[in-house]
Amino acid sequence: MLEGQVTGTVWATKKSPALRGLTFLTVQVQGRALVCADCVGAGEGERVLVSTGGAARVAAGTDIPIDAAVVGILDQA
């Protein structure tokens, strides 16, 4: 898992049917921006935990085509 900070929301009017209903966030992680599926309802400015690869698909609850997912909101680190 990686630690990052939510910097914004991504809007996509057209996307794969498998991605419908998911919210996407931009998260700054180790000096780079990732687009992550939001599994926990995080908001802009919050510090979050991000899973990548196969762990992100498991966190989303199905085998959907995502590479990164927000899986936790940090209170302290």
Protein backbone atom coordinates (compact mmCIF):
# COMPACT_ATOMS: atom_id res chain seq x y z
CA MET A 1 0.00 0.00 0.00
CA LEU A 2 1.00 3.58 -0.64
CA GLU A 3 0.23 6.78 1.25
CA GLY A 4 -1.02 9.78 -0.70
CA GLN A 5 -3.16 12.90 -0.65
CA VAL A 6 -6.33 13.45 -2.67
CA THR A 7 -5.88 16.43 -4.99
CA GLY A 8 -9.12 16.34 -6.98
CA THR A 9 -11.91 14.47 -8.72
CA VAL A 10 -11.86 13.00 -12.23
CA TRP A 11 -14.98 13.32 -14.38
CA ALA A 12 -15.54 10.97 -17.32
CA THR A 13 -18.76 11.25 -19.28
CA LYS A 14 -17.88 8.19 -21.36
CA LYS A 15 -16.22 5.13 -19.89
CA SER A 16 -16.31 1.35 -19.95
CA PRO A 17 -19.64 -0.05 -18.69
CA ALA A 18 -17.67 -1.95 -16.00
CA LEU A 19 -16.64 1.39 -14.47
CA ARG A 20 -20.13 2.85 -14.09
CA GLY A 21 -20.96 3.87 -10.56
CA LEU A 22 -17.32 4.33 -9.52
CA THR A 23 -15.89 7.66 -8.40
CA PHE A 24 -12.35 8.49 -9.49
CA LEU A 25 -9.91 10.73 -7.63
CA THR A 26 -6.51 12.15 -8.43
CA VAL A 27 -4.09 11.26 -5.65
CA GLN A 28 -0.56 12.59 -5.24
CA VAL A 29 1.67 9.62 -4.34
CA GLN A 30 5.46 9.85 -4.07
CA GLY A 31 5.67 12.91 -6.32
CA ARG A 32 3.35 11.66 -9.05
CA ALA A 33 -0.38 11.85 -9.69
CA LEU A 34 -2.45 8.65 -9.85
CA VAL A 35 -6.06 8.27 -10.91
CA CYS A 36 -7.66 5.97 -8.33
CA ALA A 37 -11.07 4.38 -7.93
CA ASP A 38 -12.52 5.59 -4.62
CA CYS A 39 -13.72 2.67 -2.50
CA VAL A 40 -14.17 4.60 0.77
CA GLY A 41 -15.67 8.03 0.02
CA ALA A 42 -12.49 10.11 0.38
CA GLY A 43 -12.51 13.84 -0.29
CA GLU A 44 -10.11 16.45 -1.57
CA GLY A 45 -7.22 17.16 0.80
CA GLU A 46 -7.53 13.91 2.76
CA ARG A 47 -4.56 11.62 3.33
CA VAL A 48 -5.35 8.15 2.03
CA LEU A 49 -4.06 4.62 1.56
CA VAL A 50 -3.82 3.44 -2.05
CA SER A 51 -3.60 -0.14 -3.30
CA THR A 52 -2.36 -0.86 -6.81
CA GLY A 53 -2.48 -3.73 -9.29
CA GLY A 54 -4.45 -6.84 -8.39
CA ALA A 55 -5.04 -5.59 -4.84
CA ALA A 56 -6.91 -2.58 -6.26
CA ARG A 57 -9.27 -4.86 -8.19
CA VAL A 58 -9.93 -6.93 -5.06
CA ALA A 59 -10.62 -3.74 -3.06
CA ALA A 60 -13.20 -2.64 -5.64
CA GLY A 61 -15.04 -5.91 -5.04
CA THR A 62 -14.94 -7.29 -8.53
CA ASP A 63 -12.63 -7.97 -11.44
CA ILE A 64 -12.99 -4.55 -13.05
CA PRO A 65 -10.27 -2.83 -15.09
CA ILE A 66 -8.64 -0.57 -12.48
CA ASP A 67 -4.99 -0.17 -11.56
CA ALA A 68 -5.24 1.87 -8.33
CA ALA A 69 -7.86 2.22 -5.59
CA VAL A 70 -8.25 4.35 -2.48
CA VAL A 71 -8.80 1.79 0.29
CA GLY A 72 -8.52 3.87 3.46
CA ILE A 73 -8.61 7.39 4.90
CA LEU A 74 -5.80 8.14 7.34
CA ASP A 75 -6.47 9.84 10.65
CA GLN A 76 -2.79 9.67 11.68
CA ALA A 77 0.42 8.24 10.29
